[in-house]
Amino acid sequence: MDQKAQVTSLADLDGRAVITVSDAASLLGICRSAAYEAVRRHQLPVIRIGSRMFVPVPRLLALLTGQPVTPDGYPVAVDAQ
């Protein structure tokens, strides 16, 4: 089995819909336990699939860039007018 590539920069997110909480921690420069604590406090957005948790890349990028989000945490679409 191939070893998963570690997410260490925003460029590593290209084309990915979700990343693991551990990858988000690495990207944010925090320890894994701090990332899971942020999930518990609803400070880091996640979706759950079975027993696994994933961080949606669009929601993470919106959080990092300060882009407005909808009440459920998704980036607000900006009209190109």
Protein backbone atom coordinates (compact mmCIF):
# COMPACT_ATOMS: atom_id res chain seq x y z
CA MET A 1 0.00 0.00 0.00
CA ASP A 2 1.24 3.48 -0.88
CA GLN A 3 2.14 5.91 1.90
CA LYS A 4 -0.22 8.92 2.00
CA ALA A 5 1.30 12.28 1.13
CA GLN A 6 1.42 14.68 4.09
CA VAL A 7 -0.40 17.98 3.61
CA THR A 8 2.09 20.71 4.50
CA SER A 9 1.06 23.65 2.31
CA LEU A 10 -2.00 25.12 0.64
CA ALA A 11 -0.64 23.87 -2.70
CA ASP A 12 -1.08 20.30 -1.41
CA LEU A 13 -4.85 20.91 -1.24
CA ASP A 14 -5.24 21.35 -4.99
CA GLY A 15 -8.02 19.12 -6.24
CA ARG A 16 -8.90 17.64 -2.85
CA ALA A 17 -12.42 17.84 -1.44
CA VAL A 18 -11.50 16.81 2.11
CA ILE A 19 -8.45 16.18 4.26
CA THR A 20 -8.01 14.33 7.53
CA VAL A 21 -7.99 16.14 10.85
CA SER A 22 -4.32 15.13 11.17
CA ASP A 23 -3.53 16.72 7.80
CA ALA A 24 -5.38 19.89 8.86
CA ALA A 25 -3.31 19.97 12.04
CA SER A 26 -0.10 19.69 10.02
CA LEU A 27 -1.24 22.45 7.66
CA LEU A 28 -2.20 24.72 10.56
CA GLY A 29 1.03 24.03 12.45
CA ILE A 30 -0.74 22.64 15.52
CA CYS A 31 -0.55 19.24 17.17
CA ARG A 32 -3.11 16.58 16.34
CA SER A 33 -4.71 16.71 19.79
CA ALA A 34 -5.20 20.49 19.45
CA ALA A 35 -6.93 19.92 16.10
CA TYR A 36 -9.30 17.36 17.62
CA GLU A 37 -9.98 19.77 20.49
CA ALA A 38 -10.81 22.46 17.91
CA VAL A 39 -13.23 20.00 16.29
CA ARG A 40 -14.84 19.31 19.66
CA ARG A 41 -15.28 23.07 20.23
CA HIS A 42 -16.72 23.53 16.70
CA GLN A 43 -13.76 25.75 15.77
CA LEU A 44 -12.60 23.43 12.98
CA PRO A 45 -15.27 22.26 10.53
CA VAL A 46 -15.63 18.53 9.93
CA ILE A 47 -17.90 16.08 8.22
CA ARG A 48 -18.29 12.59 9.59
CA ILE A 49 -18.33 9.50 7.42
CA GLY A 50 -18.92 6.50 9.61
CA SER A 51 -16.49 6.83 12.49
CA ARG A 52 -14.04 8.96 10.47
CA MET A 53 -13.85 12.76 10.48
CA PHE A 54 -12.72 14.84 7.52
CA VAL A 55 -12.15 18.57 7.11
CA PRO A 56 -13.81 19.93 3.94
CA VAL A 57 -11.16 21.88 2.03
CA PRO A 58 -13.51 24.71 0.88
CA ARG A 59 -14.65 25.31 4.47
CA LEU A 60 -11.07 25.24 5.77
CA LEU A 61 -9.94 27.73 3.11
CA ALA A 62 -12.88 30.01 3.93
CA LEU A 63 -11.92 29.85 7.59
CA LEU A 64 -8.27 30.67 6.85
CA THR A 65 -9.00 33.53 4.46
CA GLY A 66 -11.84 35.09 6.41
CA GLN A 67 -14.24 34.57 3.51
CA PRO A 68 -17.89 34.86 4.55
CA VAL A 69 -19.63 31.55 5.16
CA THR A 70 -23.25 30.40 5.28
CA PRO A 71 -24.79 29.44 8.65
CA ASP A 72 -23.77 25.81 8.02
CA GLY A 73 -20.17 26.87 7.42
CA TYR A 74 -19.83 26.75 3.65
CA PRO A 75 -18.22 29.61 1.67
CA VAL A 76 -20.65 32.20 0.32
CA ALA A 77 -20.69 32.31 -3.47
CA VAL A 78 -19.52 35.69 -4.77
CA ASP A 79 -21.18 36.95 -7.95
CA ALA A 80 -18.67 37.94 -10.61
CA GLN A 81 -20.36 41.16 -11.80
